[in-house]
Amino acid sequence: MGMTMRERKPYYREVAKRYQKAGKKEKGVILDEFVATVGLNRSYASTLLRNHGKVINTRRGIRLKGDITKV
């Protein structure tokens, strides 16, 4: 049986923090583990992990914060 959404959110946050601090080789291992556990496309998963917690300013003054738990 898979993970429930309540179990996934803390898992997403922890993996994203580890991924952002890791070096290139460790990122590959973390990404493989994440894709196998969650079942997302590898490219999409790396984008989610990379952008989690980052703030993006738009031209109109809107600030967007990446949050992997909103997926």
C-alpha atoms as a PDB file:
ATOM      1  CA  MET A   1       0.000   0.000   0.000  1.00  0.00           C
ATOM      2  CA  GLY A   2       1.253   3.506  -0.854  1.00  0.00           C
ATOM      3  CA  MET A   3       1.732   6.513   1.345  1.00  0.00           C
ATOM      4  CA  THR A   4      -1.228   8.659   2.324  1.00  0.00           C
ATOM      5  CA  MET A   5      -1.147  12.386   1.575  1.00  0.00           C
ATOM      6  CA  ARG A   6      -0.661  13.114   5.269  1.00  0.00           C
ATOM      7  CA  GLU A   7       2.458  10.913   5.263  1.00  0.00           C
ATOM      8  CA  ARG A   8       3.771  12.347   1.985  1.00  0.00           C
ATOM      9  CA  LYS A   9       3.932  16.024   2.920  1.00  0.00           C
ATOM     10  CA  PRO A  10       6.565  15.725   5.670  1.00  0.00           C
ATOM     11  CA  TYR A  11       8.466  13.252   3.474  1.00  0.00           C
ATOM     12  CA  TYR A  12       8.485  15.755   0.583  1.00  0.00           C
ATOM     13  CA  ARG A  13       9.815  18.529   2.809  1.00  0.00           C
ATOM     14  CA  GLU A  14      12.596  16.407   4.274  1.00  0.00           C
ATOM     15  CA  VAL A  15      13.735  15.082   0.908  1.00  0.00           C
ATOM     16  CA  ALA A  16      13.696  18.585  -0.609  1.00  0.00           C
ATOM     17  CA  LYS A  17      15.907  19.933   2.196  1.00  0.00           C
ATOM     18  CA  ARG A  18      18.364  17.047   1.806  1.00  0.00           C
ATOM     19  CA  TYR A  19      18.374  17.425  -1.978  1.00  0.00           C
ATOM     20  CA  GLN A  20      19.165  21.138  -1.878  1.00  0.00           C
ATOM     21  CA  LYS A  21      22.113  20.643   0.484  1.00  0.00           C
ATOM     22  CA  ALA A  22      23.570  17.618  -1.334  1.00  0.00           C
ATOM     23  CA  GLY A  23      26.323  17.482  -3.918  1.00  0.00           C
ATOM     24  CA  LYS A  24      25.822  16.247  -7.471  1.00  0.00           C
ATOM     25  CA  LYS A  25      26.364  12.519  -6.786  1.00  0.00           C
ATOM     26  CA  GLU A  26      24.172  12.524  -3.695  1.00  0.00           C
ATOM     27  CA  LYS A  27      21.427  14.354  -5.596  1.00  0.00           C
ATOM     28  CA  GLY A  28      21.247  11.479  -8.071  1.00  0.00           C
ATOM     29  CA  VAL A  29      20.835   8.947  -5.279  1.00  0.00           C
ATOM     30  CA  ILE A  30      18.225  11.066  -3.484  1.00  0.00           C
ATOM     31  CA  LEU A  31      16.348  11.606  -6.734  1.00  0.00           C
ATOM     32  CA  ASP A  32      16.301   7.867  -7.517  1.00  0.00           C
ATOM     33  CA  GLU A  33      14.919   7.143  -4.049  1.00  0.00           C
ATOM     34  CA  PHE A  34      12.296   9.901  -4.341  1.00  0.00           C
ATOM     35  CA  VAL A  35      11.108   8.782  -7.789  1.00  0.00           C
ATOM     36  CA  ALA A  36      10.841   5.162  -6.666  1.00  0.00           C
ATOM     37  CA  THR A  37       8.872   6.101  -3.548  1.00  0.00           C
ATOM     38  CA  VAL A  38       6.533   8.721  -4.998  1.00  0.00           C
ATOM     39  CA  GLY A  39       6.235   7.553  -8.595  1.00  0.00           C
ATOM     40  CA  LEU A  40       6.766  10.896 -10.330  1.00  0.00           C
ATOM     41  CA  ASN A  41       8.667  11.515 -13.549  1.00  0.00           C
ATOM     42  CA  ARG A  42      12.387  12.016 -12.799  1.00  0.00           C
ATOM     43  CA  SER A  43      12.590  15.399 -14.544  1.00  0.00           C
ATOM     44  CA  TYR A  44       9.488  16.740 -12.803  1.00  0.00           C
ATOM     45  CA  ALA A  45      10.657  15.415  -9.444  1.00  0.00           C
ATOM     46  CA  SER A  46      14.034  17.157  -9.760  1.00  0.00           C
ATOM     47  CA  THR A  47      12.286  20.440 -10.607  1.00  0.00           C
ATOM     48  CA  LEU A  48      10.038  20.140  -7.548  1.00  0.00           C
ATOM     49  CA  LEU A  49      12.911  19.308  -5.220  1.00  0.00           C
ATOM     50  CA  ARG A  50      15.128  22.053  -6.621  1.00  0.00           C
ATOM     51  CA  ASN A  51      12.507  24.824  -6.370  1.00  0.00           C
ATOM     52  CA  HIS A  52      11.006  23.962  -2.976  1.00  0.00           C
ATOM     53  CA  GLY A  53      11.209  26.958  -0.643  1.00  0.00           C
ATOM     54  CA  LYS A  54      12.576  29.366  -3.249  1.00  0.00           C
ATOM     55  CA  VAL A  55      10.975  32.776  -3.660  1.00  0.00           C
ATOM     56  CA  ILE A  56      10.380  34.128  -7.161  1.00  0.00           C
ATOM     57  CA  ASN A  57       9.587  37.794  -7.765  1.00  0.00           C
ATOM     58  CA  THR A  58       7.430  38.558 -10.783  1.00  0.00           C
ATOM     59  CA  ARG A  59       7.253  41.810 -12.739  1.00  0.00           C
ATOM     60  CA  ARG A  60       4.060  42.918 -11.054  1.00  0.00           C
ATOM     61  CA  GLY A  61       5.468  42.652  -7.556  1.00  0.00           C
ATOM     62  CA  ILE A  62       3.965  39.261  -6.814  1.00  0.00           C
ATOM     63  CA  ARG A  63       6.163  36.935  -4.772  1.00  0.00           C
ATOM     64  CA  LEU A  64       5.750  33.212  -5.351  1.00  0.00           C
ATOM     65  CA  LYS A  65       7.216  30.648  -2.984  1.00  0.00           C
ATOM     66  CA  GLY A  66       7.758  27.122  -4.253  1.00  0.00           C
ATOM     67  CA  ASP A  67       6.074  24.551  -2.045  1.00  0.00           C
ATOM     68  CA  ILE A  68       6.290  20.890  -2.971  1.00  0.00           C
ATOM     69  CA  THR A  69       3.410  20.005  -0.660  1.00  0.00           C
ATOM     70  CA  LYS A  70       0.955  21.919  -2.880  1.00  0.00           C
ATOM     71  CA  VAL A  71       1.414  19.411  -5.712  1.00  0.00           C
END
